[in-house]
PDB file of N, CA and C in Angstrom:
ATOM      1  N   MET A   1      -9.730   8.059  -3.751  1.00  0.00           N
ATOM      2  CA  MET A   1     -11.098   7.708  -3.469  1.00  0.00           C
ATOM      3  C   MET A   1     -11.155   6.236  -3.055  1.00  0.00           C
ATOM      4  N   ILE A   2     -11.917   5.961  -2.049  1.00  0.00           N
ATOM      5  CA  ILE A   2     -12.053   4.599  -1.544  1.00  0.00           C
ATOM      6  C   ILE A   2     -13.175   3.904  -2.309  1.00  0.00           C
ATOM      7  N   PRO A   3     -12.884   2.759  -2.950  1.00  0.00           N
ATOM      8  CA  PRO A   3     -13.942   2.061  -3.670  1.00  0.00           C
ATOM      9  C   PRO A   3     -15.037   1.591  -2.720  1.00  0.00           C
ATOM     10  N   LYS A   4     -16.278   1.657  -3.179  1.00  0.00           N
ATOM     11  CA  LYS A   4     -17.400   1.286  -2.318  1.00  0.00           C
ATOM     12  C   LYS A   4     -17.822  -0.169  -2.472  1.00  0.00           C
ATOM     13  N   ASN A   5     -17.487  -0.779  -3.605  1.00  0.00           N
ATOM     14  CA  ASN A   5     -17.985  -2.133  -3.856  1.00  0.00           C
ATOM     15  C   ASN A   5     -16.908  -3.216  -3.818  1.00  0.00           C
ATOM     16  N   ARG A   6     -15.676  -2.844  -3.453  1.00  0.00           N
ATOM     17  CA  ARG A   6     -14.603  -3.837  -3.400  1.00  0.00           C
ATOM     18  C   ARG A   6     -13.482  -3.315  -2.499  1.00  0.00           C
ATOM     19  N   ILE A   7     -12.568  -4.203  -2.177  1.00  0.00           N
ATOM     20  CA  ILE A   7     -11.374  -3.799  -1.425  1.00  0.00           C
ATOM     21  C   ILE A   7     -10.370  -3.250  -2.430  1.00  0.00           C
ATOM     22  N   ALA A   8      -9.806  -2.102  -2.123  1.00  0.00           N
ATOM     23  CA  ALA A   8      -8.834  -1.467  -3.017  1.00  0.00           C
ATOM     24  C   ALA A   8      -7.622  -2.376  -3.226  1.00  0.00           C
ATOM     25  N   THR A   9      -6.991  -2.216  -4.358  1.00  0.00           N
ATOM     26  CA  THR A   9      -5.812  -3.008  -4.708  1.00  0.00           C
ATOM     27  C   THR A   9      -4.693  -2.775  -3.700  1.00  0.00           C
ATOM     28  N   HIS A  10      -4.091  -3.862  -3.261  1.00  0.00           N
ATOM     29  CA  HIS A  10      -2.980  -3.776  -2.311  1.00  0.00           C
ATOM     30  C   HIS A  10      -1.766  -3.165  -3.017  1.00  0.00           C
ATOM     31  N   PRO A  11      -0.975  -2.347  -2.318  1.00  0.00           N
ATOM     32  CA  PRO A  11       0.200  -1.756  -2.954  1.00  0.00           C
ATOM     33  C   PRO A  11       1.204  -2.786  -3.480  1.00  0.00           C
ATOM     34  N   GLY A  12       1.198  -3.984  -2.933  1.00  0.00           N
ATOM     35  CA  GLY A  12       2.085  -5.027  -3.436  1.00  0.00           C
ATOM     36  C   GLY A  12       1.763  -5.430  -4.857  1.00  0.00           C
ATOM     37  N   VAL A  13       0.479  -5.423  -5.209  1.00  0.00           N
ATOM     38  CA  VAL A  13       0.067  -5.737  -6.575  1.00  0.00           C
ATOM     39  C   VAL A  13       0.556  -4.639  -7.513  1.00  0.00           C
ATOM     40  N   ILE A  14       0.432  -3.388  -7.065  1.00  0.00           N
ATOM     41  CA  ILE A  14       0.916  -2.246  -7.856  1.00  0.00           C
ATOM     42  C   ILE A  14       2.424  -2.364  -8.050  1.00  0.00           C
ATOM     43  N   LEU A  15       3.130  -2.686  -6.986  1.00  0.00           N
ATOM     44  CA  LEU A  15       4.579  -2.844  -7.060  1.00  0.00           C
ATOM     45  C   LEU A  15       4.948  -3.885  -8.121  1.00  0.00           C
ATOM     46  N   LEU A  16       4.285  -5.016  -8.075  1.00  0.00           N
ATOM     47  CA  LEU A  16       4.600  -6.106  -9.001  1.00  0.00           C
ATOM     48  C   LEU A  16       4.185  -5.779 -10.440  1.00  0.00           C
ATOM     49  N   LYS A  17       2.917  -5.402 -10.620  1.00  0.00           N
ATOM     50  CA  LYS A  17       2.355  -5.254 -11.962  1.00  0.00           C
ATOM     51  C   LYS A  17       2.734  -3.949 -12.663  1.00  0.00           C
ATOM     52  N   GLU A  18       2.939  -2.888 -11.903  1.00  0.00           N
ATOM     53  CA  GLU A  18       3.211  -1.588 -12.515  1.00  0.00           C
ATOM     54  C   GLU A  18       4.696  -1.200 -12.496  1.00  0.00           C
ATOM     55  N   PHE A  19       5.473  -1.901 -11.685  1.00  0.00           N
ATOM     56  CA  PHE A  19       6.883  -1.551 -11.588  1.00  0.00           C
ATOM     57  C   PHE A  19       7.803  -2.724 -11.929  1.00  0.00           C
ATOM     58  N   LEU A  20       7.787  -3.775 -11.121  1.00  0.00           N
ATOM     59  CA  LEU A  20       8.741  -4.863 -11.320  1.00  0.00           C
ATOM     60  C   LEU A  20       8.593  -5.562 -12.674  1.00  0.00           C
ATOM     61  N   GLU A  21       7.393  -6.000 -13.004  1.00  0.00           N
ATOM     62  CA  GLU A  21       7.207  -6.723 -14.268  1.00  0.00           C
ATOM     63  C   GLU A  21       7.542  -5.862 -15.488  1.00  0.00           C
ATOM     64  N   PRO A  22       7.049  -4.616 -15.580  1.00  0.00           N
ATOM     65  CA  PRO A  22       7.416  -3.798 -16.748  1.00  0.00           C
ATOM     66  C   PRO A  22       8.918  -3.500 -16.829  1.00  0.00           C
ATOM     67  N   MET A  23       9.577  -3.456 -15.685  1.00  0.00           N
ATOM     68  CA  MET A  23      11.013  -3.187 -15.667  1.00  0.00           C
ATOM     69  C   MET A  23      11.836  -4.448 -15.939  1.00  0.00           C
ATOM     70  N   GLY A  24      11.172  -5.600 -15.960  1.00  0.00           N
ATOM     71  CA  GLY A  24      11.896  -6.856 -16.138  1.00  0.00           C
ATOM     72  C   GLY A  24      12.755  -7.192 -14.931  1.00  0.00           C
ATOM     73  N   GLN A  25      12.312  -6.760 -13.760  1.00  0.00           N
ATOM     74  CA  GLN A  25      13.069  -6.973 -12.528  1.00  0.00           C
ATOM     75  C   GLN A  25      12.348  -7.964 -11.622  1.00  0.00           C
ATOM     76  N   THR A  26      13.093  -8.517 -10.680  1.00  0.00           N
ATOM     77  CA  THR A  26      12.537  -9.484  -9.735  1.00  0.00           C
ATOM     78  C   THR A  26      12.446  -8.881  -8.342  1.00  0.00           C
ATOM     79  N   GLN A  27      11.685  -9.556  -7.505  1.00  0.00           N
ATOM     80  CA  GLN A  27      11.595  -9.168  -6.097  1.00  0.00           C
ATOM     81  C   GLN A  27      12.973  -9.264  -5.445  1.00  0.00           C
ATOM     82  N   VAL A  28      13.711 -10.291  -5.805  1.00  0.00           N
ATOM     83  CA  VAL A  28      15.057 -10.502  -5.246  1.00  0.00           C
ATOM     84  C   VAL A  28      15.967  -9.336  -5.608  1.00  0.00           C
ATOM     85  N   ALA A  29      15.925  -8.923  -6.862  1.00  0.00           N
ATOM     86  CA  ALA A  29      16.778  -7.816  -7.311  1.00  0.00           C
ATOM     87  C   ALA A  29      16.422  -6.524  -6.581  1.00  0.00           C
ATOM     88  N   LEU A  30      15.132  -6.263  -6.402  1.00  0.00           N
ATOM     89  CA  LEU A  30      14.713  -5.050  -5.691  1.00  0.00           C
ATOM     90  C   LEU A  30      15.164  -5.091  -4.237  1.00  0.00           C
ATOM     91  N   ALA A  31      14.968  -6.220  -3.588  1.00  0.00           N
ATOM     92  CA  ALA A  31      15.375  -6.347  -2.189  1.00  0.00           C
ATOM     93  C   ALA A  31      16.873  -6.115  -2.028  1.00  0.00           C
ATOM     94  N   LYS A  32      17.657  -6.696  -2.912  1.00  0.00           N
ATOM     95  CA  LYS A  32      19.110  -6.503  -2.848  1.00  0.00           C
ATOM     96  C   LYS A  32      19.476  -5.042  -3.075  1.00  0.00           C
ATOM     97  N   HIS A  33      18.822  -4.425  -4.058  1.00  0.00           N
ATOM     98  CA  HIS A  33      19.094  -3.015  -4.354  1.00  0.00           C
ATOM     99  C   HIS A  33      18.775  -2.126  -3.150  1.00  0.00           C
ATOM    100  N   LEU A  34      17.672  -2.441  -2.461  1.00  0.00           N
ATOM    101  CA  LEU A  34      17.254  -1.639  -1.304  1.00  0.00           C
ATOM    102  C   LEU A  34      17.997  -2.006  -0.026  1.00  0.00           C
ATOM    103  N   GLY A  35      18.658  -3.158  -0.023  1.00  0.00           N
ATOM    104  CA  GLY A  35      19.357  -3.605   1.185  1.00  0.00           C
ATOM    105  C   GLY A  35      18.416  -4.076   2.277  1.00  0.00           C
ATOM    106  N   ILE A  36      17.307  -4.686   1.855  1.00  0.00           N
ATOM    107  CA  ILE A  36      16.330  -5.192   2.823  1.00  0.00           C
ATOM    108  C   ILE A  36      16.098  -6.677   2.554  1.00  0.00           C
ATOM    109  N   PRO A  37      15.520  -7.391   3.525  1.00  0.00           N
ATOM    110  CA  PRO A  37      15.266  -8.819   3.325  1.00  0.00           C
ATOM    111  C   PRO A  37      14.308  -9.074   2.163  1.00  0.00           C
ATOM    112  N   ILE A  38      14.585 -10.107   1.408  1.00  0.00           N
ATOM    113  CA  ILE A  38      13.724 -10.506   0.299  1.00  0.00           C
ATOM    114  C   ILE A  38      12.322 -10.805   0.821  1.00  0.00           C
ATOM    115  N   GLN A  39      12.251 -11.367   2.005  1.00  0.00           N
ATOM    116  CA  GLN A  39      10.964 -11.717   2.603  1.00  0.00           C
ATOM    117  C   GLN A  39      10.058 -10.492   2.719  1.00  0.00           C
ATOM    118  N   ARG A  40      10.617  -9.323   3.034  1.00  0.00           N
ATOM    119  CA  ARG A  40       9.796  -8.113   3.167  1.00  0.00           C
ATOM    120  C   ARG A  40       9.118  -7.778   1.842  1.00  0.00           C
ATOM    121  N   ILE A  41       9.867  -7.812   0.758  1.00  0.00           N
ATOM    122  CA  ILE A  41       9.294  -7.523  -0.557  1.00  0.00           C
ATOM    123  C   ILE A  41       8.244  -8.573  -0.913  1.00  0.00           C
ATOM    124  N   ASN A  42       8.569  -9.849  -0.703  1.00  0.00           N
ATOM    125  CA  ASN A  42       7.653 -10.930  -1.038  1.00  0.00           C
ATOM    126  C   ASN A  42       6.348 -10.832  -0.257  1.00  0.00           C
ATOM    127  N   GLU A  43       6.426 -10.510   1.031  1.00  0.00           N
ATOM    128  CA  GLU A  43       5.211 -10.384   1.837  1.00  0.00           C
ATOM    129  C   GLU A  43       4.367  -9.194   1.388  1.00  0.00           C
ATOM    130  N   ILE A  44       5.009  -8.116   0.956  1.00  0.00           N
ATOM    131  CA  ILE A  44       4.262  -6.966   0.431  1.00  0.00           C
ATOM    132  C   ILE A  44       3.574  -7.360  -0.866  1.00  0.00           C
ATOM    133  N   VAL A  45       4.310  -7.997  -1.761  1.00  0.00           N
ATOM    134  CA  VAL A  45       3.734  -8.413  -3.046  1.00  0.00           C
ATOM    135  C   VAL A  45       2.563  -9.372  -2.849  1.00  0.00           C
ATOM    136  N   LYS A  46       2.657 -10.264  -1.888  1.00  0.00           N
ATOM    137  CA  LYS A  46       1.581 -11.225  -1.615  1.00  0.00           C
ATOM    138  C   LYS A  46       0.432 -10.620  -0.809  1.00  0.00           C
ATOM    139  N   GLY A  47       0.569  -9.369  -0.370  1.00  0.00           N
ATOM    140  CA  GLY A  47      -0.486  -8.722   0.404  1.00  0.00           C
ATOM    141  C   GLY A  47      -0.529  -9.139   1.853  1.00  0.00           C
ATOM    142  N   LYS A  48       0.520  -9.792   2.332  1.00  0.00           N
ATOM    143  CA  LYS A  48       0.582 -10.244   3.715  1.00  0.00           C
ATOM    144  C   LYS A  48       1.201  -9.198   4.636  1.00  0.00           C
ATOM    145  N   ARG A  49       1.746  -8.154   4.039  1.00  0.00           N
ATOM    146  CA  ARG A  49       2.417  -7.108   4.805  1.00  0.00           C
ATOM    147  C   ARG A  49       2.109  -5.779   4.138  1.00  0.00           C
ATOM    148  N   GLY A  50       1.960  -4.765   4.969  1.00  0.00           N
ATOM    149  CA  GLY A  50       1.709  -3.434   4.433  1.00  0.00           C
ATOM    150  C   GLY A  50       3.007  -2.688   4.162  1.00  0.00           C
ATOM    151  N   VAL A  51       2.870  -1.567   3.474  1.00  0.00           N
ATOM    152  CA  VAL A  51       4.016  -0.706   3.197  1.00  0.00           C
ATOM    153  C   VAL A  51       4.164   0.267   4.364  1.00  0.00           C
ATOM    154  N   SER A  52       5.294   0.187   5.048  1.00  0.00           N
ATOM    155  CA  SER A  52       5.579   1.075   6.180  1.00  0.00           C
ATOM    156  C   SER A  52       6.153   2.389   5.650  1.00  0.00           C
ATOM    157  N   PRO A  53       6.186   3.429   6.478  1.00  0.00           N
ATOM    158  CA  PRO A  53       6.818   4.675   6.043  1.00  0.00           C
ATOM    159  C   PRO A  53       8.266   4.474   5.599  1.00  0.00           C
ATOM    160  N   GLN A  54       9.017   3.643   6.311  1.00  0.00           N
ATOM    161  CA  GLN A  54      10.408   3.379   5.929  1.00  0.00           C
ATOM    162  C   GLN A  54      10.484   2.753   4.537  1.00  0.00           C
ATOM    163  N   THR A  55       9.649   1.754   4.296  1.00  0.00           N
ATOM    164  CA  THR A  55       9.646   1.095   2.995  1.00  0.00           C
ATOM    165  C   THR A  55       9.138   2.042   1.913  1.00  0.00           C
ATOM    166  N   ALA A  56       8.177   2.889   2.250  1.00  0.00           N
ATOM    167  CA  ALA A  56       7.666   3.866   1.288  1.00  0.00           C
ATOM    168  C   ALA A  56       8.791   4.782   0.810  1.00  0.00           C
ATOM    169  N   TRP A  57       9.658   5.209   1.717  1.00  0.00           N
ATOM    170  CA  TRP A  57      10.802   6.045   1.330  1.00  0.00           C
ATOM    171  C   TRP A  57      11.747   5.292   0.405  1.00  0.00           C
ATOM    172  N   LEU A  58      12.009   4.032   0.732  1.00  0.00           N
ATOM    173  CA  LEU A  58      12.900   3.228  -0.108  1.00  0.00           C
ATOM    174  C   LEU A  58      12.317   3.046  -1.512  1.00  0.00           C
ATOM    175  N   PHE A  59      11.028   2.685  -1.584  1.00  0.00           N
ATOM    176  CA  PHE A  59      10.377   2.510  -2.878  1.00  0.00           C
ATOM    177  C   PHE A  59      10.395   3.821  -3.670  1.00  0.00           C
ATOM    178  N   ALA A  60      10.107   4.915  -2.987  1.00  0.00           N
ATOM    179  CA  ALA A  60      10.051   6.216  -3.659  1.00  0.00           C
ATOM    180  C   ALA A  60      11.385   6.560  -4.309  1.00  0.00           C
ATOM    181  N   GLU A  61      12.455   6.374  -3.578  1.00  0.00           N
ATOM    182  CA  GLU A  61      13.769   6.714  -4.111  1.00  0.00           C
ATOM    183  C   GLU A  61      14.192   5.765  -5.226  1.00  0.00           C
ATOM    184  N   ALA A  62      13.912   4.490  -5.071  1.00  0.00           N
ATOM    185  CA  ALA A  62      14.347   3.502  -6.060  1.00  0.00           C
ATOM    186  C   ALA A  62      13.486   3.508  -7.322  1.00  0.00           C
ATOM    187  N   LEU A  63      12.213   3.864  -7.186  1.00  0.00           N
ATOM    188  CA  LEU A  63      11.281   3.744  -8.309  1.00  0.00           C
ATOM    189  C   LEU A  63      10.813   5.097  -8.837  1.00  0.00           C
ATOM    190  N   ASP A  64      11.432   6.161  -8.383  1.00  0.00           N
ATOM    191  CA  ASP A  64      11.126   7.518  -8.848  1.00  0.00           C
ATOM    192  C   ASP A  64       9.655   7.871  -8.652  1.00  0.00           C
ATOM    193  N   THR A  65       9.184   7.605  -7.436  1.00  0.00           N
ATOM    194  CA  THR A  65       7.832   7.985  -7.051  1.00  0.00           C
ATOM    195  C   THR A  65       7.965   8.858  -5.807  1.00  0.00           C
ATOM    196  N   THR A  66       6.917   8.954  -5.024  1.00  0.00           N
ATOM    197  CA  THR A  66       6.981   9.669  -3.757  1.00  0.00           C
ATOM    198  C   THR A  66       6.599   8.706  -2.640  1.00  0.00           C
ATOM    199  N   PRO A  67       7.036   8.967  -1.413  1.00  0.00           N
ATOM    200  CA  PRO A  67       6.599   8.104  -0.315  1.00  0.00           C
ATOM    201  C   PRO A  67       5.085   8.217  -0.099  1.00  0.00           C
ATOM    202  N   GLU A  68       4.543   9.393  -0.384  1.00  0.00           N
ATOM    203  CA  GLU A  68       3.094   9.582  -0.229  1.00  0.00           C
ATOM    204  C   GLU A  68       2.309   8.660  -1.158  1.00  0.00           C
ATOM    205  N   PHE A  69       2.838   8.424  -2.357  1.00  0.00           N
ATOM    206  CA  PHE A  69       2.191   7.510  -3.299  1.00  0.00           C
ATOM    207  C   PHE A  69       1.976   6.152  -2.651  1.00  0.00           C
ATOM    208  N   TRP A  70       3.024   5.600  -2.051  1.00  0.00           N
ATOM    209  CA  TRP A  70       2.955   4.264  -1.459  1.00  0.00           C
ATOM    210  C   TRP A  70       2.095   4.251  -0.202  1.00  0.00           C
ATOM    211  N   LEU A  71       2.214   5.287   0.626  1.00  0.00           N
ATOM    212  CA  LEU A  71       1.410   5.327   1.852  1.00  0.00           C
ATOM    213  C   LEU A  71      -0.062   5.559   1.541  1.00  0.00           C
ATOM    214  N   ASN A  72      -0.359   6.347   0.515  1.00  0.00           N
ATOM    215  CA  ASN A  72      -1.753   6.546   0.120  1.00  0.00           C
ATOM    216  C   ASN A  72      -2.360   5.245  -0.395  1.00  0.00           C
ATOM    217  N   LEU A  73      -1.611   4.504  -1.209  1.00  0.00           N
ATOM    218  CA  LEU A  73      -2.106   3.196  -1.657  1.00  0.00           C
ATOM    219  C   LEU A  73      -2.414   2.303  -0.460  1.00  0.00           C
ATOM    220  N   GLN A  74      -1.505   2.300   0.514  1.00  0.00           N
ATOM    221  CA  GLN A  74      -1.695   1.457   1.696  1.00  0.00           C
ATOM    222  C   GLN A  74      -2.899   1.912   2.510  1.00  0.00           C
ATOM    223  N   ASN A  75      -3.034   3.222   2.718  1.00  0.00           N
ATOM    224  CA  ASN A  75      -4.164   3.746   3.490  1.00  0.00           C
ATOM    225  C   ASN A  75      -5.500   3.444   2.828  1.00  0.00           C
ATOM    226  N   ILE A  76      -5.578   3.624   1.516  1.00  0.00           N
ATOM    227  CA  ILE A  76      -6.826   3.341   0.809  1.00  0.00           C
ATOM    228  C   ILE A  76      -7.164   1.857   0.901  1.00  0.00           C
ATOM    229  N   HIS A  77      -6.153   1.012   0.753  1.00  0.00           N
ATOM    230  CA  HIS A  77      -6.384  -0.428   0.896  1.00  0.00           C
ATOM    231  C   HIS A  77      -6.889  -0.753   2.305  1.00  0.00           C
ATOM    232  N   ASP A  78      -6.204  -0.234   3.323  1.00  0.00           N
ATOM    233  CA  ASP A  78      -6.583  -0.528   4.709  1.00  0.00           C
ATOM    234  C   ASP A  78      -7.994  -0.044   5.028  1.00  0.00           C
ATOM    235  N   LEU A  79      -8.328   1.153   4.579  1.00  0.00           N
ATOM    236  CA  LEU A  79      -9.666   1.687   4.843  1.00  0.00           C
ATOM    237  C   LEU A  79     -10.742   0.851   4.147  1.00  0.00           C
ATOM    238  N   SER A  80     -10.513   0.480   2.907  1.00  0.00           N
ATOM    239  CA  SER A  80     -11.526  -0.301   2.194  1.00  0.00           C
ATOM    240  C   SER A  80     -11.646  -1.714   2.758  1.00  0.00           C
ATOM    241  N   ALA A  81     -10.555  -2.266   3.264  1.00  0.00           N
ATOM    242  CA  ALA A  81     -10.583  -3.620   3.831  1.00  0.00           C
ATOM    243  C   ALA A  81     -11.212  -3.650   5.220  1.00  0.00           C
ATOM    244  N   ASN A  82     -11.300  -2.496   5.849  1.00  0.00           N
ATOM    245  CA  ASN A  82     -11.822  -2.441   7.217  1.00  0.00           C
ATOM    246  C   ASN A  82     -13.062  -1.564   7.339  1.00  0.00           C
ATOM    247  N   ARG A  83     -13.850  -1.520   6.274  1.00  0.00           N
ATOM    248  CA  ARG A  83     -15.096  -0.746   6.286  1.00  0.00           C
ATOM    249  C   ARG A  83     -16.019  -1.355   7.345  1.00  0.00           C
ATOM    250  N   PRO A  84     -16.583  -0.529   8.220  1.00  0.00           N
ATOM    251  CA  PRO A  84     -17.422  -1.082   9.289  1.00  0.00           C
ATOM    252  C   PRO A  84     -18.750  -1.626   8.771  1.00  0.00           C
ATOM    253  N   ASP A  85     -19.244  -2.640   9.454  1.00  0.00           N
ATOM    254  CA  ASP A  85     -20.554  -3.209   9.136  1.00  0.00           C
ATOM    255  C   ASP A  85     -21.664  -2.420   9.821  1.00  0.00           C
ATOM    256  N   VAL A  86     -21.321  -1.825  10.948  1.00  0.00           N
ATOM    257  CA  VAL A  86     -22.281  -1.056  11.732  1.00  0.00           C
ATOM    258  C   VAL A  86     -21.955   0.422  11.564  1.00  0.00           C
ATOM    259  N   HIS A  87     -22.976   1.210  11.301  1.00  0.00           N
ATOM    260  CA  HIS A  87     -22.781   2.641  11.107  1.00  0.00           C
ATOM    261  C   HIS A  87     -23.491   3.417  12.199  1.00  0.00           C
ATOM    262  N   VAL A  88     -23.023   4.605  12.454  1.00  0.00           N
ATOM    263  CA  VAL A  88     -23.632   5.471  13.460  1.00  0.00           C
ATOM    264  C   VAL A  88     -24.150   6.728  12.771  1.00  0.00           C
ATOM    265  N   THR A  89     -25.058   7.396  13.445  1.00  0.00           N
ATOM    266  CA  THR A  89     -25.556   8.663  12.917  1.00  0.00           C
ATOM    267  C   THR A  89     -24.587   9.770  13.290  1.00  0.00           C
ATOM    268  N   ARG A  90     -24.753  10.891  12.655  1.00  0.00           N
ATOM    269  CA  ARG A  90     -23.878  12.019  12.916  1.00  0.00           C
ATOM    270  C   ARG A  90     -24.048  12.516  14.346  1.00  0.00           C
ATOM    271  N   PHE A  91     -22.942  12.881  14.968  1.00  0.00           N
ATOM    272  CA  PHE A  91     -22.933  13.427  16.309  1.00  0.00           C
ATOM    273  C   PHE A  91     -23.242  14.919  16.187  1.00  0.00           C
ATOM    274  N   GLU A  92     -24.368  15.342  16.713  1.00  0.00           N
ATOM    275  CA  GLU A  92     -24.833  16.706  16.542  1.00  0.00           C
ATOM    276  C   GLU A  92     -24.474  17.602  17.723  1.00  0.00           C
ATOM    277  N   THR A  93     -24.407  18.891  17.426  1.00  0.00           N
ATOM    278  CA  THR A  93     -24.186  19.897  18.454  1.00  0.00           C
ATOM    279  C   THR A  93     -25.430  19.991  19.324  1.00  0.00           C
ATOM    280  N   LYS A  94     -25.229  20.106  20.622  1.00  0.00           N
ATOM    281  CA  LYS A  94     -26.335  20.200  21.561  1.00  0.00           C
ATOM    282  C   LYS A  94     -27.033  21.548  21.397  1.00  0.00           C
ATOM    283  N   SER A  95     -28.346  21.524  21.290  1.00  0.00           N
ATOM    284  CA  SER A  95     -29.124  22.765  21.148  1.00  0.00           C
ATOM    285  C   SER A  95     -29.177  23.500  22.469  1.00  0.00           C
ATOM    286  N   ALA A  96     -29.161  24.828  22.375  1.00  0.00           N
ATOM    287  CA  ALA A  96     -29.192  25.648  23.603  1.00  0.00           C
ATOM    288  C   ALA A  96     -30.587  25.830  24.117  1.00  0.00           C
TER     289      ALA A  96
END
């Protein structure tokens, strides 16, 4: 569900607060384990970068989740952060 009164939590915050910190692990350790640049993990944690499908697969395998979990977090964040200011009415079927 997309929150209506705030921007949804970025997946990087979830990664840090729900996975890395409880595991007693660092961003550096995760990056090395995944074989990816430390900068990629750091930018995700800071909310400067989104979780790509490739990264979602890596996180899923390393953290015993699913890639859908990470992509859903990212999609909900993106949708809530880009809620339009201008709305349109429903597009109706033309009457015969």
